């Protein structure tokens, strides 16, 4: 996850890179983005 996001230029800020990297390497991580319906 983080390898692809970094290689393709998506990452600007990350709260805990090491912690998320470890979690994403070990299990399925549900992640979300919000979109308002204007």
ModelCIF file with pLDDT and N, C-alpha, C, O atoms, coordinates in Angstrom:
data_MODEL
#
_entry.id   MODEL 
#
_entity.id                         1 
_entity.type                       polymer 
_entity.pdbx_number_of_molecules   1 
#
_entity_poly.entity_id                      1 
_entity_poly.type                           'polypeptide(L)' 
_entity_poly.nstd_linkage                   no 
_entity_poly.nstd_monomer                   no 
_entity_poly.pdbx_seq_one_letter_code       
;(UNK)(UNK)(UNK)(UNK)(UNK)(UNK)(UNK)(UNK)(UNK)(UNK)(UNK)(UNK)(UNK)(UNK)(UNK)(UNK)
(UNK)(UNK)(UNK)(UNK)(UNK)(UNK)(UNK)(UNK)(UNK)(UNK)(UNK)(UNK)(UNK)(UNK)(UNK)(UNK)
(UNK)(UNK)(UNK)(UNK)(UNK)(UNK)
;
_entity_poly.pdbx_seq_one_letter_code_can   XXXXXXXXXXXXXXXXXXXXXXXXXXXXXXXXXXXXXX 
_entity_poly.pdbx_strand_id                 A 
#
loop_
_entity_poly_seq.entity_id 
_entity_poly_seq.num 
_entity_poly_seq.mon_id 
_entity_poly_seq.hetero 
1 1  UNK n 
1 2  UNK n 
1 3  UNK n 
1 4  UNK n 
1 5  UNK n 
1 6  UNK n 
1 7  UNK n 
1 8  UNK n 
1 9  UNK n 
1 10 UNK n 
1 11 UNK n 
1 12 UNK n 
1 13 UNK n 
1 14 UNK n 
1 15 UNK n 
1 16 UNK n 
1 17 UNK n 
1 18 UNK n 
1 19 UNK n 
1 20 UNK n 
1 21 UNK n 
1 22 UNK n 
1 23 UNK n 
1 24 UNK n 
1 25 UNK n 
1 26 UNK n 
1 27 UNK n 
1 28 UNK n 
1 29 UNK n 
1 30 UNK n 
1 31 UNK n 
1 32 UNK n 
1 33 UNK n 
1 34 UNK n 
1 35 UNK n 
1 36 UNK n 
1 37 UNK n 
1 38 UNK n 
#
_struct_asym.id          A 
_struct_asym.entity_id   1 
#
loop_
_ma_qa_metric.id 
_ma_qa_metric.mode 
_ma_qa_metric.name 
_ma_qa_metric.software_group_id 
_ma_qa_metric.type 
1 global pLDDT . pLDDT 
2 local  pLDDT . pLDDT 
#
_ma_qa_metric_global.metric_id      1 
_ma_qa_metric_global.metric_value   96.37 
_ma_qa_metric_global.model_id       1 
_ma_qa_metric_global.ordinal_id     1 
#
loop_
_ma_qa_metric_local.label_asym_id 
_ma_qa_metric_local.label_comp_id 
_ma_qa_metric_local.label_seq_id 
_ma_qa_metric_local.metric_id 
_ma_qa_metric_local.metric_value 
_ma_qa_metric_local.model_id 
_ma_qa_metric_local.ordinal_id 
A UNK 1  2 98.00 1 1  
A UNK 2  2 98.00 1 2  
A UNK 3  2 97.00 1 3  
A UNK 4  2 98.00 1 4  
A UNK 5  2 98.00 1 5  
A UNK 6  2 97.00 1 6  
A UNK 7  2 97.00 1 7  
A UNK 8  2 97.00 1 8  
A UNK 9  2 96.00 1 9  
A UNK 10 2 97.00 1 10 
A UNK 11 2 96.00 1 11 
A UNK 12 2 96.00 1 12 
A UNK 13 2 95.00 1 13 
A UNK 14 2 96.00 1 14 
A UNK 15 2 95.00 1 15 
A UNK 16 2 94.00 1 16 
A UNK 17 2 96.00 1 17 
A UNK 18 2 96.00 1 18 
A UNK 19 2 97.00 1 19 
A UNK 20 2 97.00 1 20 
A UNK 21 2 97.00 1 21 
A UNK 22 2 97.00 1 22 
A UNK 23 2 98.00 1 23 
A UNK 24 2 98.00 1 24 
A UNK 25 2 97.00 1 25 
A UNK 26 2 97.00 1 26 
A UNK 27 2 97.00 1 27 
A UNK 28 2 98.00 1 28 
A UNK 29 2 98.00 1 29 
A UNK 30 2 98.00 1 30 
A UNK 31 2 98.00 1 31 
A UNK 32 2 98.00 1 32 
A UNK 33 2 97.00 1 33 
A UNK 34 2 96.00 1 34 
A UNK 35 2 95.00 1 35 
A UNK 36 2 90.00 1 36 
A UNK 37 2 92.00 1 37 
A UNK 38 2 90.00 1 38 
#
loop_
_atom_site.group_PDB 
_atom_site.id 
_atom_site.type_symbol 
_atom_site.label_atom_id 
_atom_site.label_alt_id 
_atom_site.label_comp_id 
_atom_site.label_asym_id 
_atom_site.label_entity_id 
_atom_site.label_seq_id 
_atom_site.pdbx_PDB_ins_code 
_atom_site.Cartn_x 
_atom_site.Cartn_y 
_atom_site.Cartn_z 
_atom_site.occupancy 
_atom_site.B_iso_or_equiv 
_atom_site.pdbx_formal_charge 
_atom_site.auth_seq_id 
_atom_site.auth_comp_id 
_atom_site.auth_asym_id 
_atom_site.auth_atom_id 
_atom_site.pdbx_PDB_model_num 
ATOM 1   N N  . UNK A 1 1  ? 0.814   -1.207 0.000  1.00 98.00 ? 1  UNK A N  1 
ATOM 2   C CA . UNK A 1 1  ? 0.000   0.000  0.000  1.00 98.00 ? 1  UNK A CA 1 
ATOM 3   C C  . UNK A 1 1  ? 0.850   1.261  0.000  1.00 98.00 ? 1  UNK A C  1 
ATOM 4   O O  . UNK A 1 1  ? 0.733   2.087  -0.905 1.00 98.00 ? 1  UNK A O  1 
ATOM 5   N N  . UNK A 1 2  ? 1.706   1.417  1.006  1.00 98.00 ? 2  UNK A N  1 
ATOM 6   C CA . UNK A 1 2  ? 2.489   2.647  1.103  1.00 98.00 ? 2  UNK A CA 1 
ATOM 7   C C  . UNK A 1 2  ? 3.563   2.719  0.025  1.00 98.00 ? 2  UNK A C  1 
ATOM 8   O O  . UNK A 1 2  ? 3.913   3.808  -0.431 1.00 98.00 ? 2  UNK A O  1 
ATOM 9   N N  . UNK A 1 3  ? 4.087   1.569  -0.382 1.00 97.00 ? 3  UNK A N  1 
ATOM 10  C CA . UNK A 1 3  ? 5.078   1.578  -1.458 1.00 97.00 ? 3  UNK A CA 1 
ATOM 11  C C  . UNK A 1 3  ? 4.470   2.121  -2.746 1.00 97.00 ? 3  UNK A C  1 
ATOM 12  O O  . UNK A 1 3  ? 5.064   2.969  -3.411 1.00 97.00 ? 3  UNK A O  1 
ATOM 13  N N  . UNK A 1 4  ? 3.278   1.627  -3.096 1.00 98.00 ? 4  UNK A N  1 
ATOM 14  C CA . UNK A 1 4  ? 2.612   2.076  -4.317 1.00 98.00 ? 4  UNK A CA 1 
ATOM 15  C C  . UNK A 1 4  ? 2.221   3.551  -4.209 1.00 98.00 ? 4  UNK A C  1 
ATOM 16  O O  . UNK A 1 4  ? 2.430   4.321  -5.146 1.00 98.00 ? 4  UNK A O  1 
ATOM 17  N N  . UNK A 1 5  ? 1.662   3.937  -3.080 1.00 98.00 ? 5  UNK A N  1 
ATOM 18  C CA . UNK A 1 5  ? 1.250   5.335  -2.919 1.00 98.00 ? 5  UNK A CA 1 
ATOM 19  C C  . UNK A 1 5  ? 2.439   6.283  -3.023 1.00 98.00 ? 5  UNK A C  1 
ATOM 20  O O  . UNK A 1 5  ? 2.324   7.360  -3.608 1.00 98.00 ? 5  UNK A O  1 
ATOM 21  N N  . UNK A 1 6  ? 3.574   5.893  -2.463 1.00 97.00 ? 6  UNK A N  1 
ATOM 22  C CA . UNK A 1 6  ? 4.742   6.766  -2.542 1.00 97.00 ? 6  UNK A CA 1 
ATOM 23  C C  . UNK A 1 6  ? 5.324   6.788  -3.955 1.00 97.00 ? 6  UNK A C  1 
ATOM 24  O O  . UNK A 1 6  ? 5.658   7.856  -4.469 1.00 97.00 ? 6  UNK A O  1 
ATOM 25  N N  . UNK A 1 7  ? 5.446   5.617  -4.587 1.00 97.00 ? 7  UNK A N  1 
ATOM 26  C CA . UNK A 1 7  ? 6.015   5.549  -5.933 1.00 97.00 ? 7  UNK A CA 1 
ATOM 27  C C  . UNK A 1 7  ? 5.230   6.393  -6.930 1.00 97.00 ? 7  UNK A C  1 
ATOM 28  O O  . UNK A 1 7  ? 5.798   6.968  -7.858 1.00 97.00 ? 7  UNK A O  1 
ATOM 29  N N  . UNK A 1 8  ? 3.933   6.459  -6.727 1.00 97.00 ? 8  UNK A N  1 
ATOM 30  C CA . UNK A 1 8  ? 3.085   7.165  -7.689 1.00 97.00 ? 8  UNK A CA 1 
ATOM 31  C C  . UNK A 1 8  ? 2.796   8.609  -7.279 1.00 97.00 ? 8  UNK A C  1 
ATOM 32  O O  . UNK A 1 8  ? 2.099   9.326  -7.999 1.00 97.00 ? 8  UNK A O  1 
ATOM 33  N N  . UNK A 1 9  ? 3.318   9.041  -6.141 1.00 96.00 ? 9  UNK A N  1 
ATOM 34  C CA . UNK A 1 9  ? 3.238   10.455 -5.780 1.00 96.00 ? 9  UNK A CA 1 
ATOM 35  C C  . UNK A 1 9  ? 1.999   10.890 -5.039 1.00 96.00 ? 9  UNK A C  1 
ATOM 36  O O  . UNK A 1 9  ? 1.609   12.054 -5.122 1.00 96.00 ? 9  UNK A O  1 
ATOM 37  N N  . UNK A 1 10 ? 1.359   9.968  -4.303 1.00 97.00 ? 10 UNK A N  1 
ATOM 38  C CA . UNK A 1 10 ? 0.134   10.323 -3.600 1.00 97.00 ? 10 UNK A CA 1 
ATOM 39  C C  . UNK A 1 10 ? 0.362   10.881 -2.194 1.00 97.00 ? 10 UNK A C  1 
ATOM 40  O O  . UNK A 1 10 ? -0.521  11.557 -1.667 1.00 97.00 ? 10 UNK A O  1 
ATOM 41  N N  . UNK A 1 11 ? 1.496   10.628 -1.578 1.00 96.00 ? 11 UNK A N  1 
ATOM 42  C CA . UNK A 1 11 ? 1.672   10.932 -0.158 1.00 96.00 ? 11 UNK A CA 1 
ATOM 43  C C  . UNK A 1 11 ? 2.226   12.334 0.057  1.00 96.00 ? 11 UNK A C  1 
ATOM 44  O O  . UNK A 1 11 ? 3.266   12.701 -0.490 1.00 96.00 ? 11 UNK A O  1 
ATOM 45  N N  . UNK A 1 12 ? 1.508   13.107 0.862  1.00 96.00 ? 12 UNK A N  1 
ATOM 46  C CA . UNK A 1 12 ? 1.969   14.426 1.296  1.00 96.00 ? 12 UNK A CA 1 
ATOM 47  C C  . UNK A 1 12 ? 2.259   14.413 2.792  1.00 96.00 ? 12 UNK A C  1 
ATOM 48  O O  . UNK A 1 12 ? 3.366   14.732 3.224  1.00 96.00 ? 12 UNK A O  1 
ATOM 49  N N  . UNK A 1 13 ? 1.250   14.041 3.576  1.00 95.00 ? 13 UNK A N  1 
ATOM 50  C CA . UNK A 1 13 ? 1.400   13.935 5.031  1.00 95.00 ? 13 UNK A CA 1 
ATOM 51  C C  . UNK A 1 13 ? 0.886   12.580 5.497  1.00 95.00 ? 13 UNK A C  1 
ATOM 52  O O  . UNK A 1 13 ? -0.059  12.030 4.932  1.00 95.00 ? 13 UNK A O  1 
ATOM 53  N N  . UNK A 1 14 ? 1.523   12.054 6.534  1.00 96.00 ? 14 UNK A N  1 
ATOM 54  C CA . UNK A 1 14 ? 1.159   10.747 7.082  1.00 96.00 ? 14 UNK A CA 1 
ATOM 55  C C  . UNK A 1 14 ? 1.379   10.810 8.583  1.00 96.00 ? 14 UNK A C  1 
ATOM 56  O O  . UNK A 1 14 ? 2.455   11.193 9.043  1.00 96.00 ? 14 UNK A O  1 
ATOM 57  N N  . UNK A 1 15 ? 0.356   10.433 9.348  1.00 95.00 ? 15 UNK A N  1 
ATOM 58  C CA . UNK A 1 15 ? 0.450   10.632 10.798 1.00 95.00 ? 15 UNK A CA 1 
ATOM 59  C C  . UNK A 1 15 ? 1.448   9.695  11.468 1.00 95.00 ? 15 UNK A C  1 
ATOM 60  O O  . UNK A 1 15 ? 2.186   10.116 12.359 1.00 95.00 ? 15 UNK A O  1 
ATOM 61  N N  . UNK A 1 16 ? 1.479   8.452  11.059 1.00 94.00 ? 16 UNK A N  1 
ATOM 62  C CA . UNK A 1 16 ? 2.389   7.473  11.664 1.00 94.00 ? 16 UNK A CA 1 
ATOM 63  C C  . UNK A 1 16 ? 2.772   6.478  10.578 1.00 94.00 ? 16 UNK A C  1 
ATOM 64  O O  . UNK A 1 16 ? 2.169   5.411  10.460 1.00 94.00 ? 16 UNK A O  1 
ATOM 65  N N  . UNK A 1 17 ? 3.776   6.832  9.788  1.00 96.00 ? 17 UNK A N  1 
ATOM 66  C CA . UNK A 1 17 ? 4.152   6.018  8.632  1.00 96.00 ? 17 UNK A CA 1 
ATOM 67  C C  . UNK A 1 17 ? 4.546   4.609  9.043  1.00 96.00 ? 17 UNK A C  1 
ATOM 68  O O  . UNK A 1 17 ? 4.125   3.631  8.424  1.00 96.00 ? 17 UNK A O  1 
ATOM 69  N N  . UNK A 1 18 ? 5.345   4.511  10.077 1.00 96.00 ? 18 UNK A N  1 
ATOM 70  C CA . UNK A 1 18 ? 5.821   3.197  10.506 1.00 96.00 ? 18 UNK A CA 1 
ATOM 71  C C  . UNK A 1 18 ? 4.676   2.321  10.984 1.00 96.00 ? 18 UNK A C  1 
ATOM 72  O O  . UNK A 1 18 ? 4.614   1.136  10.657 1.00 96.00 ? 18 UNK A O  1 
ATOM 73  N N  . UNK A 1 19 ? 3.762   2.911  11.768 1.00 97.00 ? 19 UNK A N  1 
ATOM 74  C CA . UNK A 1 19 ? 2.637   2.146  12.296 1.00 97.00 ? 19 UNK A CA 1 
ATOM 75  C C  . UNK A 1 19 ? 1.690   1.685  11.208 1.00 97.00 ? 19 UNK A C  1 
ATOM 76  O O  . UNK A 1 19 ? 1.246   0.537  11.221 1.00 97.00 ? 19 UNK A O  1 
ATOM 77  N N  . UNK A 1 20 ? 1.371   2.566  10.259 1.00 97.00 ? 20 UNK A N  1 
ATOM 78  C CA . UNK A 1 20 ? 0.471   2.192  9.172  1.00 97.00 ? 20 UNK A CA 1 
ATOM 79  C C  . UNK A 1 20 ? 1.127   1.173  8.253  1.00 97.00 ? 20 UNK A C  1 
ATOM 80  O O  . UNK A 1 20 ? 0.467   0.246  7.783  1.00 97.00 ? 20 UNK A O  1 
ATOM 81  N N  . UNK A 1 21 ? 2.418   1.336  7.995  1.00 97.00 ? 21 UNK A N  1 
ATOM 82  C CA . UNK A 1 21 ? 3.137   0.387  7.143  1.00 97.00 ? 21 UNK A CA 1 
ATOM 83  C C  . UNK A 1 21 ? 3.102   -1.010 7.742  1.00 97.00 ? 21 UNK A C  1 
ATOM 84  O O  . UNK A 1 21 ? 2.877   -1.994 7.037  1.00 97.00 ? 21 UNK A O  1 
ATOM 85  N N  . UNK A 1 22 ? 3.323   -1.087 9.029  1.00 97.00 ? 22 UNK A N  1 
ATOM 86  C CA . UNK A 1 22 ? 3.305   -2.376 9.721  1.00 97.00 ? 22 UNK A CA 1 
ATOM 87  C C  . UNK A 1 22 ? 1.910   -2.991 9.679  1.00 97.00 ? 22 UNK A C  1 
ATOM 88  O O  . UNK A 1 22 ? 1.767   -4.189 9.434  1.00 97.00 ? 22 UNK A O  1 
ATOM 89  N N  . UNK A 1 23 ? 0.879   -2.178 9.917  1.00 98.00 ? 23 UNK A N  1 
ATOM 90  C CA . UNK A 1 23 ? -0.497  -2.666 9.902  1.00 98.00 ? 23 UNK A CA 1 
ATOM 91  C C  . UNK A 1 23 ? -0.888  -3.152 8.503  1.00 98.00 ? 23 UNK A C  1 
ATOM 92  O O  . UNK A 1 23 ? -1.485  -4.218 8.357  1.00 98.00 ? 23 UNK A O  1 
ATOM 93  N N  . UNK A 1 24 ? -0.550  -2.369 7.480  1.00 98.00 ? 24 UNK A N  1 
ATOM 94  C CA . UNK A 1 24 ? -0.931  -2.722 6.107  1.00 98.00 ? 24 UNK A CA 1 
ATOM 95  C C  . UNK A 1 24 ? -0.195  -3.956 5.603  1.00 98.00 ? 24 UNK A C  1 
ATOM 96  O O  . UNK A 1 24 ? -0.690  -4.655 4.718  1.00 98.00 ? 24 UNK A O  1 
ATOM 97  N N  . UNK A 1 25 ? 0.979   -4.229 6.157  1.00 97.00 ? 25 UNK A N  1 
ATOM 98  C CA . UNK A 1 25 ? 1.723   -5.430 5.770  1.00 97.00 ? 25 UNK A CA 1 
ATOM 99  C C  . UNK A 1 25 ? 1.167   -6.673 6.439  1.00 97.00 ? 25 UNK A C  1 
ATOM 100 O O  . UNK A 1 25 ? 1.421   -7.789 5.986  1.00 97.00 ? 25 UNK A O  1 
ATOM 101 N N  . UNK A 1 26 ? 0.394   -6.487 7.537  1.00 97.00 ? 26 UNK A N  1 
ATOM 102 C CA . UNK A 1 26 ? -0.057  -7.625 8.335  1.00 97.00 ? 26 UNK A CA 1 
ATOM 103 C C  . UNK A 1 26 ? -1.519  -7.992 8.115  1.00 97.00 ? 26 UNK A C  1 
ATOM 104 O O  . UNK A 1 26 ? -1.894  -9.143 8.340  1.00 97.00 ? 26 UNK A O  1 
ATOM 105 N N  . UNK A 1 27 ? -2.360  -7.047 7.679  1.00 97.00 ? 27 UNK A N  1 
ATOM 106 C CA . UNK A 1 27 ? -3.795  -7.328 7.589  1.00 97.00 ? 27 UNK A CA 1 
ATOM 107 C C  . UNK A 1 27 ? -4.471  -6.402 6.580  1.00 97.00 ? 27 UNK A C  1 
ATOM 108 O O  . UNK A 1 27 ? -3.881  -5.438 6.092  1.00 97.00 ? 27 UNK A O  1 
ATOM 109 N N  . UNK A 1 28 ? -5.730  -6.729 6.285  1.00 98.00 ? 28 UNK A N  1 
ATOM 110 C CA . UNK A 1 28 ? -6.545  -5.864 5.438  1.00 98.00 ? 28 UNK A CA 1 
ATOM 111 C C  . UNK A 1 28 ? -6.898  -4.610 6.229  1.00 98.00 ? 28 UNK A C  1 
ATOM 112 O O  . UNK A 1 28 ? -7.414  -4.695 7.343  1.00 98.00 ? 28 UNK A O  1 
ATOM 113 N N  . UNK A 1 29 ? -6.620  -3.458 5.652  1.00 98.00 ? 29 UNK A N  1 
ATOM 114 C CA . UNK A 1 29 ? -6.904  -2.181 6.307  1.00 98.00 ? 29 UNK A CA 1 
ATOM 115 C C  . UNK A 1 29 ? -8.091  -1.512 5.615  1.00 98.00 ? 29 UNK A C  1 
ATOM 116 O O  . UNK A 1 29 ? -7.978  -1.127 4.452  1.00 98.00 ? 29 UNK A O  1 
ATOM 117 N N  . UNK A 1 30 ? -9.222  -1.367 6.299  1.00 98.00 ? 30 UNK A N  1 
ATOM 118 C CA . UNK A 1 30 ? -10.308 -0.568 5.732  1.00 98.00 ? 30 UNK A CA 1 
ATOM 119 C C  . UNK A 1 30 ? -9.946  0.922  5.834  1.00 98.00 ? 30 UNK A C  1 
ATOM 120 O O  . UNK A 1 30 ? -9.590  1.417  6.903  1.00 98.00 ? 30 UNK A O  1 
ATOM 121 N N  . UNK A 1 31 ? -10.047 1.618  4.699  1.00 98.00 ? 31 UNK A N  1 
ATOM 122 C CA . UNK A 1 31 ? -9.748  3.040  4.676  1.00 98.00 ? 31 UNK A CA 1 
ATOM 123 C C  . UNK A 1 31 ? -10.827 3.795  3.933  1.00 98.00 ? 31 UNK A C  1 
ATOM 124 O O  . UNK A 1 31 ? -11.472 3.251  3.036  1.00 98.00 ? 31 UNK A O  1 
ATOM 125 N N  . UNK A 1 32 ? -11.026 5.054  4.306  1.00 98.00 ? 32 UNK A N  1 
ATOM 126 C CA . UNK A 1 32 ? -12.122 5.795  3.673  1.00 98.00 ? 32 UNK A CA 1 
ATOM 127 C C  . UNK A 1 32 ? -11.712 7.205  3.274  1.00 98.00 ? 32 UNK A C  1 
ATOM 128 O O  . UNK A 1 32 ? -10.742 7.773  3.777  1.00 98.00 ? 32 UNK A O  1 
ATOM 129 N N  . UNK A 1 33 ? -12.493 7.738  2.353  1.00 97.00 ? 33 UNK A N  1 
ATOM 130 C CA . UNK A 1 33 ? -12.429 9.144  1.970  1.00 97.00 ? 33 UNK A CA 1 
ATOM 131 C C  . UNK A 1 33 ? -13.865 9.638  1.875  1.00 97.00 ? 33 UNK A C  1 
ATOM 132 O O  . UNK A 1 33 ? -14.741 8.918  1.396  1.00 97.00 ? 33 UNK A O  1 
ATOM 133 N N  . UNK A 1 34 ? -14.109 10.856 2.327  1.00 96.00 ? 34 UNK A N  1 
ATOM 134 C CA . UNK A 1 34 ? -15.444 11.430 2.294  1.00 96.00 ? 34 UNK A CA 1 
ATOM 135 C C  . UNK A 1 34 ? -15.640 12.372 1.113  1.00 96.00 ? 34 UNK A C  1 
ATOM 136 O O  . UNK A 1 34 ? -14.725 13.094 0.719  1.00 96.00 ? 34 UNK A O  1 
ATOM 137 N N  . UNK A 1 35 ? -16.850 12.352 0.554  1.00 95.00 ? 35 UNK A N  1 
ATOM 138 C CA . UNK A 1 35 ? -17.203 13.212 -0.575 1.00 95.00 ? 35 UNK A CA 1 
ATOM 139 C C  . UNK A 1 35 ? -18.580 13.808 -0.314 1.00 95.00 ? 35 UNK A C  1 
ATOM 140 O O  . UNK A 1 35 ? -19.550 13.071 -0.137 1.00 95.00 ? 35 UNK A O  1 
ATOM 141 N N  . UNK A 1 36 ? -18.674 15.121 -0.290 1.00 90.00 ? 36 UNK A N  1 
ATOM 142 C CA . UNK A 1 36 ? -19.983 15.747 -0.150 1.00 90.00 ? 36 UNK A CA 1 
ATOM 143 C C  . UNK A 1 36 ? -20.705 15.747 -1.494 1.00 90.00 ? 36 UNK A C  1 
ATOM 144 O O  . UNK A 1 36 ? -20.080 15.826 -2.552 1.00 90.00 ? 36 UNK A O  1 
ATOM 145 N N  . UNK A 1 37 ? -22.032 15.657 -1.431 1.00 92.00 ? 37 UNK A N  1 
ATOM 146 C CA . UNK A 1 37 ? -22.852 15.505 -2.645 1.00 92.00 ? 37 UNK A CA 1 
ATOM 147 C C  . UNK A 1 37 ? -23.453 16.840 -3.051 1.00 92.00 ? 37 UNK A C  1 
ATOM 148 O O  . UNK A 1 37 ? -24.674 16.998 -3.055 1.00 92.00 ? 37 UNK A O  1 
ATOM 149 N N  . UNK A 1 38 ? -22.599 17.808 -3.396 1.00 90.00 ? 38 UNK A N  1 
ATOM 150 C CA . UNK A 1 38 ? -23.073 19.146 -3.739 1.00 90.00 ? 38 UNK A CA 1 
ATOM 151 C C  . UNK A 1 38 ? -23.464 19.289 -5.200 1.00 90.00 ? 38 UNK A C  1 
ATOM 152 O O  . UNK A 1 38 ? -23.881 20.366 -5.625 1.00 90.00 ? 38 UNK A O  1 
#
